[in-house]
Amino acid sequence: MNKKVLVVGEPTAEQVKAWKKEHGDIVRICVNVKEGEQSVGYLKSPGRDVSARAMSMFTQQKVLETGEFIIQNCWLGGDERIKNDEKISMAAAVEANRLIEFLEATLEKL
């Protein structure tokens, strides 16, 4: 049995293409609101300033606030509930933390 899922906030293919052209890589964040309904939003990659502030917040163990900051500063479009609905925004904020990427590096004293 194939159930249909209502996806709220899905942009057109043309809009996604325009975002990619302007911002490079973009990500889709998806929250399962209830059975058969998803809330989606689109984010651009965080720049240096957003990443630095987010890392500072994260080191203070402010996981939720970090994700909210990322969403507010990288938001391109989608279902506004991701920013405004408490339950949906909390789930999205936790996931948004994954946008801050760390490359592996080494330090060697010579």
C-alpha atoms as a PDB file:
ATOM      1  CA  MET A   1       0.000   0.000   0.000  1.00  0.00           C
ATOM      2  CA  ASN A   2       1.536   3.281  -1.152  1.00  0.00           C
ATOM      3  CA  LYS A   3       0.518   6.229   1.027  1.00  0.00           C
ATOM      4  CA  LYS A   4       0.760   9.771  -0.273  1.00  0.00           C
ATOM      5  CA  VAL A   5       2.792  12.220   1.761  1.00  0.00           C
ATOM      6  CA  LEU A   6       1.843  15.885   1.873  1.00  0.00           C
ATOM      7  CA  VAL A   7       5.048  17.914   1.552  1.00  0.00           C
ATOM      8  CA  VAL A   8       4.556  21.511   2.721  1.00  0.00           C
ATOM      9  CA  GLY A   9       7.017  24.126   1.481  1.00  0.00           C
ATOM     10  CA  GLU A  10       8.285  22.408  -1.677  1.00  0.00           C
ATOM     11  CA  PRO A  11       9.532  25.000  -4.211  1.00  0.00           C
ATOM     12  CA  THR A  12       9.413  24.663  -7.963  1.00  0.00           C
ATOM     13  CA  ALA A  13      12.305  23.079  -9.839  1.00  0.00           C
ATOM     14  CA  GLU A  14      13.022  26.496 -11.338  1.00  0.00           C
ATOM     15  CA  GLN A  15      13.339  28.036  -7.874  1.00  0.00           C
ATOM     16  CA  VAL A  16      15.780  25.343  -6.751  1.00  0.00           C
ATOM     17  CA  LYS A  17      17.841  25.907  -9.897  1.00  0.00           C
ATOM     18  CA  ALA A  18      17.912  29.669  -9.231  1.00  0.00           C
ATOM     19  CA  TRP A  19      18.999  29.145  -5.619  1.00  0.00           C
ATOM     20  CA  LYS A  20      21.802  26.810  -6.730  1.00  0.00           C
ATOM     21  CA  LYS A  21      22.979  29.322  -9.311  1.00  0.00           C
ATOM     22  CA  GLU A  22      23.067  32.127  -6.732  1.00  0.00           C
ATOM     23  CA  HIS A  23      24.288  30.240  -3.637  1.00  0.00           C
ATOM     24  CA  GLY A  24      26.031  27.092  -4.861  1.00  0.00           C
ATOM     25  CA  ASP A  25      25.209  24.079  -2.750  1.00  0.00           C
ATOM     26  CA  ILE A  26      21.884  24.147  -0.952  1.00  0.00           C
ATOM     27  CA  VAL A  27      20.327  21.675   1.457  1.00  0.00           C
ATOM     28  CA  ARG A  28      16.784  20.523   2.061  1.00  0.00           C
ATOM     29  CA  ILE A  29      15.759  20.095   5.670  1.00  0.00           C
ATOM     30  CA  CYS A  30      12.741  17.883   6.245  1.00  0.00           C
ATOM     31  CA  VAL A  31      10.680  17.382   9.397  1.00  0.00           C
ATOM     32  CA  ASN A  32       8.123  14.586   9.656  1.00  0.00           C
ATOM     33  CA  VAL A  33       5.244  16.529  11.198  1.00  0.00           C
ATOM     34  CA  LYS A  34       2.862  13.596  11.430  1.00  0.00           C
ATOM     35  CA  GLU A  35       2.126  10.494   9.460  1.00  0.00           C
ATOM     36  CA  GLY A  36       1.602  11.558   5.880  1.00  0.00           C
ATOM     37  CA  GLU A  37       2.905  15.127   6.302  1.00  0.00           C
ATOM     38  CA  GLN A  38       6.361  16.623   6.004  1.00  0.00           C
ATOM     39  CA  SER A  39       7.561  20.197   6.422  1.00  0.00           C
ATOM     40  CA  VAL A  40      10.532  21.171   4.249  1.00  0.00           C
ATOM     41  CA  GLY A  41      12.814  24.155   4.076  1.00  0.00           C
ATOM     42  CA  TYR A  42      15.841  25.070   2.009  1.00  0.00           C
ATOM     43  CA  LEU A  43      19.085  26.486   3.337  1.00  0.00           C
ATOM     44  CA  LYS A  44      22.245  27.825   1.734  1.00  0.00           C
ATOM     45  CA  SER A  45      25.637  26.888   3.114  1.00  0.00           C
ATOM     46  CA  PRO A  46      26.676  29.117   6.001  1.00  0.00           C
ATOM     47  CA  GLY A  47      29.424  31.625   5.296  1.00  0.00           C
ATOM     48  CA  ARG A  48      32.396  32.253   7.537  1.00  0.00           C
ATOM     49  CA  ASP A  49      30.605  34.702   9.846  1.00  0.00           C
ATOM     50  CA  VAL A  50      27.609  32.423  10.390  1.00  0.00           C
ATOM     51  CA  SER A  51      29.871  29.396  10.873  1.00  0.00           C
ATOM     52  CA  ALA A  52      32.067  31.220  13.403  1.00  0.00           C
ATOM     53  CA  ARG A  53      29.092  32.399  15.457  1.00  0.00           C
ATOM     54  CA  ALA A  54      27.443  28.984  15.264  1.00  0.00           C
ATOM     55  CA  MET A  55      30.626  27.240  16.417  1.00  0.00           C
ATOM     56  CA  SER A  56      30.898  29.639  19.336  1.00  0.00           C
ATOM     57  CA  MET A  57      27.323  28.902  20.376  1.00  0.00           C
ATOM     58  CA  PHE A  58      27.819  25.154  19.901  1.00  0.00           C
ATOM     59  CA  THR A  59      30.893  25.093  22.150  1.00  0.00           C
ATOM     60  CA  GLN A  60      28.693  26.654  24.844  1.00  0.00           C
ATOM     61  CA  GLN A  61      26.415  23.613  24.426  1.00  0.00           C
ATOM     62  CA  LYS A  62      23.617  25.764  23.000  1.00  0.00           C
ATOM     63  CA  VAL A  63      22.606  23.142  20.449  1.00  0.00           C
ATOM     64  CA  LEU A  64      19.061  24.383  19.875  1.00  0.00           C
ATOM     65  CA  GLU A  65      20.073  28.048  19.670  1.00  0.00           C
ATOM     66  CA  THR A  66      22.874  27.171  17.252  1.00  0.00           C
ATOM     67  CA  GLY A  67      20.493  25.441  14.871  1.00  0.00           C
ATOM     68  CA  GLU A  68      17.963  28.261  15.115  1.00  0.00           C
ATOM     69  CA  PHE A  69      20.720  30.768  14.300  1.00  0.00           C
ATOM     70  CA  ILE A  70      21.782  28.738  11.271  1.00  0.00           C
ATOM     71  CA  ILE A  71      18.211  28.481   9.989  1.00  0.00           C
ATOM     72  CA  GLN A  72      17.540  32.204  10.447  1.00  0.00           C
ATOM     73  CA  ASN A  73      20.750  33.178   8.632  1.00  0.00           C
ATOM     74  CA  CYS A  74      20.774  30.572   5.855  1.00  0.00           C
ATOM     75  CA  TRP A  75      17.041  30.358   5.039  1.00  0.00           C
ATOM     76  CA  LEU A  76      16.121  30.434   1.355  1.00  0.00           C
ATOM     77  CA  GLY A  77      12.509  29.316   1.498  1.00  0.00           C
ATOM     78  CA  GLY A  78      10.040  26.596   2.303  1.00  0.00           C
ATOM     79  CA  ASP A  79       7.443  25.959   4.973  1.00  0.00           C
ATOM     80  CA  GLU A  80       7.564  28.870   7.429  1.00  0.00           C
ATOM     81  CA  ARG A  81       6.586  26.508  10.256  1.00  0.00           C
ATOM     82  CA  ILE A  82      10.236  25.416  10.290  1.00  0.00           C
ATOM     83  CA  LYS A  83      11.017  28.854  11.687  1.00  0.00           C
ATOM     84  CA  ASN A  84       7.821  29.550  13.634  1.00  0.00           C
ATOM     85  CA  ASP A  85       6.192  26.375  14.963  1.00  0.00           C
ATOM     86  CA  GLU A  86       7.835  25.301  18.229  1.00  0.00           C
ATOM     87  CA  LYS A  87       7.832  21.524  17.682  1.00  0.00           C
ATOM     88  CA  ILE A  88       8.789  21.695  14.025  1.00  0.00           C
ATOM     89  CA  SER A  89      11.449  24.361  14.544  1.00  0.00           C
ATOM     90  CA  MET A  90      13.100  22.419  17.371  1.00  0.00           C
ATOM     91  CA  ALA A  91      13.468  19.320  15.194  1.00  0.00           C
ATOM     92  CA  ALA A  92      14.784  21.394  12.287  1.00  0.00           C
ATOM     93  CA  ALA A  93      17.217  23.306  14.522  1.00  0.00           C
ATOM     94  CA  VAL A  94      18.823  20.143  15.844  1.00  0.00           C
ATOM     95  CA  GLU A  95      19.282  18.874  12.286  1.00  0.00           C
ATOM     96  CA  ALA A  96      20.574  22.240  10.999  1.00  0.00           C
ATOM     97  CA  ASN A  97      23.650  21.884  13.216  1.00  0.00           C
ATOM     98  CA  ARG A  98      24.962  19.396  10.680  1.00  0.00           C
ATOM     99  CA  LEU A  99      25.510  22.263   8.221  1.00  0.00           C
ATOM    100  CA  ILE A 100      28.652  23.285  10.092  1.00  0.00           C
ATOM    101  CA  GLU A 101      31.305  21.030   8.610  1.00  0.00           C
ATOM    102  CA  PHE A 102      34.745  20.384   9.945  1.00  0.00           C
ATOM    103  CA  LEU A 103      37.489  19.101   7.700  1.00  0.00           C
ATOM    104  CA  GLU A 104      39.998  16.814   9.303  1.00  0.00           C
ATOM    105  CA  ALA A 105      43.276  18.548  10.060  1.00  0.00           C
ATOM    106  CA  THR A 106      46.459  17.719  11.921  1.00  0.00           C
ATOM    107  CA  LEU A 107      48.895  19.771  13.909  1.00  0.00           C
ATOM    108  CA  GLU A 108      52.516  18.755  14.158  1.00  0.00           C
ATOM    109  CA  LYS A 109      55.205  20.422  16.256  1.00  0.00           C
ATOM    110  CA  LEU A 110      58.525  20.577  14.400  1.00  0.00           C
END
